[in-house]
Structures are given as structure tokens and as C-alpha cells.
Amino acid sequence: MANKIAKYVKESKDELKKVVWPSRKDTIKFTLLVIGISFATAVFLGALDFGFNIVVKQVIK
């Protein structure tokens, strides 16, 4: 059992050495992109909700 765990840890470590990590600049760029898209989506859905709310109030009246 211990051999399997040791083998798994060694292989995981070897695989992590093959990973190409993004640069700090790329990480910041993509993070800001995700935040921007999330904000735009929230504004869009909020506007839809506001519009549907007005329509439903008019229909109920």
C-alpha cells in the first residue's frame, strides 16, 4: 500500500514538472477578463429581471 502511495506522489510530482504555468501578466489579464465578463453578465441579467418585473406588474394590474 505504501509503495502505491509513494509511486502516485512521485508520478504526480513528475507530471507537475511538465505543466506550463501562465505568466503573472497572463494570469492578471485572464482574471480581469473573467471579472469583466461576470460583471457584464450580471448587468445583462439584472436588466432582464428589471424589465420582466415591470411587464409582470403591468399584466397583474
N, C-alpha and C. Protein backbone atom coordinates (compact mmCIF):
# COMPACT_ATOMS: atom_id res chain seq x y z
N MET A 1 0.83 -1.20 0.00
CA MET A 1 0.00 0.00 0.00
C MET A 1 0.87 1.26 0.00
N ALA A 2 1.91 1.26 0.82
CA ALA A 2 2.80 2.42 0.90
C ALA A 2 3.53 2.63 -0.43
N ASN A 3 3.87 1.50 -1.12
CA ASN A 3 4.52 1.62 -2.42
C ASN A 3 3.64 2.33 -3.44
N LYS A 4 2.35 2.01 -3.41
CA LYS A 4 1.41 2.63 -4.35
C LYS A 4 1.28 4.13 -4.09
N ILE A 5 1.23 4.49 -2.83
CA ILE A 5 1.13 5.91 -2.47
C ILE A 5 2.39 6.65 -2.88
N ALA A 6 3.54 6.06 -2.61
CA ALA A 6 4.82 6.69 -2.98
C ALA A 6 4.92 6.83 -4.49
N LYS A 7 4.50 5.81 -5.21
CA LYS A 7 4.53 5.85 -6.68
C LYS A 7 3.60 6.96 -7.19
N TYR A 8 2.42 7.05 -6.60
CA TYR A 8 1.45 8.09 -7.00
C TYR A 8 2.03 9.49 -6.77
N VAL A 9 2.62 9.71 -5.62
CA VAL A 9 3.20 11.01 -5.29
C VAL A 9 4.34 11.34 -6.25
N LYS A 10 5.20 10.36 -6.53
CA LYS A 10 6.32 10.59 -7.45
C LYS A 10 5.82 10.92 -8.85
N GLU A 11 4.83 10.16 -9.34
CA GLU A 11 4.30 10.40 -10.68
C GLU A 11 3.59 11.75 -10.75
N SER A 12 2.88 12.11 -9.69
CA SER A 12 2.21 13.41 -9.65
C SER A 12 3.24 14.53 -9.71
N LYS A 13 4.32 14.39 -8.96
CA LYS A 13 5.38 15.39 -8.95
C LYS A 13 6.01 15.51 -10.34
N ASP A 14 6.25 14.38 -11.00
CA ASP A 14 6.82 14.39 -12.35
C ASP A 14 5.87 15.09 -13.34
N GLU A 15 4.59 14.83 -13.22
CA GLU A 15 3.62 15.47 -14.12
C GLU A 15 3.57 16.98 -13.90
N LEU A 16 3.66 17.41 -12.65
CA LEU A 16 3.63 18.85 -12.35
C LEU A 16 4.82 19.58 -12.95
N LYS A 17 5.94 18.88 -13.13
CA LYS A 17 7.11 19.49 -13.76
C LYS A 17 6.87 19.76 -15.24
N LYS A 18 5.94 19.03 -15.85
CA LYS A 18 5.64 19.19 -17.28
C LYS A 18 4.66 20.32 -17.54
N VAL A 19 4.00 20.81 -16.52
CA VAL A 19 2.97 21.83 -16.67
C VAL A 19 3.62 23.16 -17.07
N VAL A 20 3.00 23.83 -18.05
CA VAL A 20 3.47 25.16 -18.44
C VAL A 20 2.56 26.16 -17.74
N TRP A 21 3.08 26.80 -16.71
CA TRP A 21 2.29 27.73 -15.92
C TRP A 21 2.21 29.07 -16.61
N PRO A 22 1.06 29.76 -16.54
CA PRO A 22 0.95 31.08 -17.18
C PRO A 22 1.80 32.11 -16.44
N SER A 23 2.19 33.13 -17.17
CA SER A 23 2.98 34.19 -16.55
C SER A 23 2.07 35.03 -15.64
N ARG A 24 2.69 35.84 -14.83
CA ARG A 24 1.92 36.73 -13.94
C ARG A 24 1.04 37.67 -14.76
N LYS A 25 1.59 38.17 -15.87
CA LYS A 25 0.85 39.08 -16.75
C LYS A 25 -0.39 38.39 -17.33
N ASP A 26 -0.21 37.16 -17.82
CA ASP A 26 -1.35 36.41 -18.36
C ASP A 26 -2.39 36.12 -17.29
N THR A 27 -1.94 35.76 -16.10
CA THR A 27 -2.86 35.46 -15.01
C THR A 27 -3.71 36.68 -14.67
N ILE A 28 -3.08 37.84 -14.58
CA ILE A 28 -3.82 39.07 -14.28
C ILE A 28 -4.79 39.41 -15.42
N LYS A 29 -4.32 39.25 -16.66
CA LYS A 29 -5.17 39.56 -17.82
C LYS A 29 -6.42 38.67 -17.84
N PHE A 30 -6.23 37.38 -17.65
CA PHE A 30 -7.36 36.46 -17.69
C PHE A 30 -8.28 36.64 -16.49
N THR A 31 -7.72 36.97 -15.34
CA THR A 31 -8.54 37.22 -14.16
C THR A 31 -9.44 38.44 -14.39
N LEU A 32 -8.86 39.50 -14.93
CA LEU A 32 -9.65 40.70 -15.22
C LEU A 32 -10.71 40.42 -16.29
N LEU A 33 -10.37 39.58 -17.26
CA LEU A 33 -11.34 39.20 -18.29
C LEU A 33 -12.53 38.45 -17.67
N VAL A 34 -12.25 37.52 -16.78
CA VAL A 34 -13.32 36.77 -16.12
C VAL A 34 -14.19 37.70 -15.27
N ILE A 35 -13.56 38.62 -14.54
CA ILE A 35 -14.32 39.57 -13.73
C ILE A 35 -15.18 40.45 -14.62
N GLY A 36 -14.63 40.92 -15.73
CA GLY A 36 -15.38 41.78 -16.66
C GLY A 36 -16.57 41.06 -17.27
N ILE A 37 -16.37 39.83 -17.73
CA ILE A 37 -17.46 39.07 -18.33
C ILE A 37 -18.53 38.76 -17.27
N SER A 38 -18.11 38.44 -16.06
CA SER A 38 -19.07 38.17 -14.97
C SER A 38 -19.89 39.41 -14.67
N PHE A 39 -19.24 40.57 -14.63
CA PHE A 39 -19.94 41.82 -14.36
C PHE A 39 -20.93 42.13 -15.48
N ALA A 40 -20.51 41.97 -16.73
CA ALA A 40 -21.39 42.23 -17.88
C ALA A 40 -22.60 41.29 -17.86
N THR A 41 -22.37 40.04 -17.53
CA THR A 41 -23.47 39.07 -17.44
C THR A 41 -24.43 39.45 -16.33
N ALA A 42 -23.91 39.88 -15.20
CA ALA A 42 -24.76 40.29 -14.08
C ALA A 42 -25.60 41.50 -14.45
N VAL A 43 -25.00 42.46 -15.14
CA VAL A 43 -25.75 43.66 -15.56
C VAL A 43 -26.84 43.27 -16.56
N PHE A 44 -26.49 42.41 -17.52
CA PHE A 44 -27.48 41.96 -18.51
C PHE A 44 -28.64 41.24 -17.85
N LEU A 45 -28.34 40.29 -16.97
CA LEU A 45 -29.41 39.54 -16.30
C LEU A 45 -30.22 40.43 -15.36
N GLY A 46 -29.55 41.39 -14.73
CA GLY A 46 -30.27 42.34 -13.88
C GLY A 46 -31.23 43.19 -14.69
N ALA A 47 -30.80 43.62 -15.88
CA ALA A 47 -31.66 44.42 -16.75
C ALA A 47 -32.86 43.58 -17.22
N LEU A 48 -32.62 42.33 -17.57
CA LEU A 48 -33.73 41.45 -17.96
C LEU A 48 -34.72 41.28 -16.81
N ASP A 49 -34.21 41.05 -15.63
CA ASP A 49 -35.06 40.87 -14.46
C ASP A 49 -35.88 42.13 -14.20
N PHE A 50 -35.23 43.28 -14.30
CA PHE A 50 -35.93 44.54 -14.10
C PHE A 50 -37.05 44.71 -15.13
N GLY A 51 -36.72 44.43 -16.40
CA GLY A 51 -37.72 44.55 -17.47
C GLY A 51 -38.88 43.59 -17.27
N PHE A 52 -38.59 42.33 -16.98
CA PHE A 52 -39.67 41.35 -16.77
C PHE A 52 -40.51 41.72 -15.56
N ASN A 53 -39.88 42.28 -14.54
CA ASN A 53 -40.61 42.71 -13.34
C ASN A 53 -41.63 43.79 -13.70
N ILE A 54 -41.23 44.75 -14.52
CA ILE A 54 -42.13 45.82 -14.95
C ILE A 54 -43.29 45.24 -15.75
N VAL A 55 -42.98 44.34 -16.68
CA VAL A 55 -44.02 43.72 -17.53
C VAL A 55 -45.01 42.93 -16.68
N VAL A 56 -44.52 42.15 -15.74
CA VAL A 56 -45.40 41.35 -14.89
C VAL A 56 -46.27 42.25 -14.03
N LYS A 57 -45.73 43.34 -13.50
CA LYS A 57 -46.54 44.27 -12.71
C LYS A 57 -47.64 44.88 -13.55
N GLN A 58 -47.35 45.19 -14.82
CA GLN A 58 -48.36 45.78 -15.69
C GLN A 58 -49.45 44.76 -16.02
N VAL A 59 -49.08 43.51 -16.22
CA VAL A 59 -50.05 42.47 -16.53
C VAL A 59 -50.93 42.20 -15.32
N ILE A 60 -50.37 42.18 -14.13
CA ILE A 60 -51.13 41.89 -12.91
C ILE A 60 -52.09 43.03 -12.60
N LYS A 61 -51.70 44.27 -12.86
CA LYS A 61 -52.56 45.41 -12.58
C LYS A 61 -53.76 45.31 -13.39
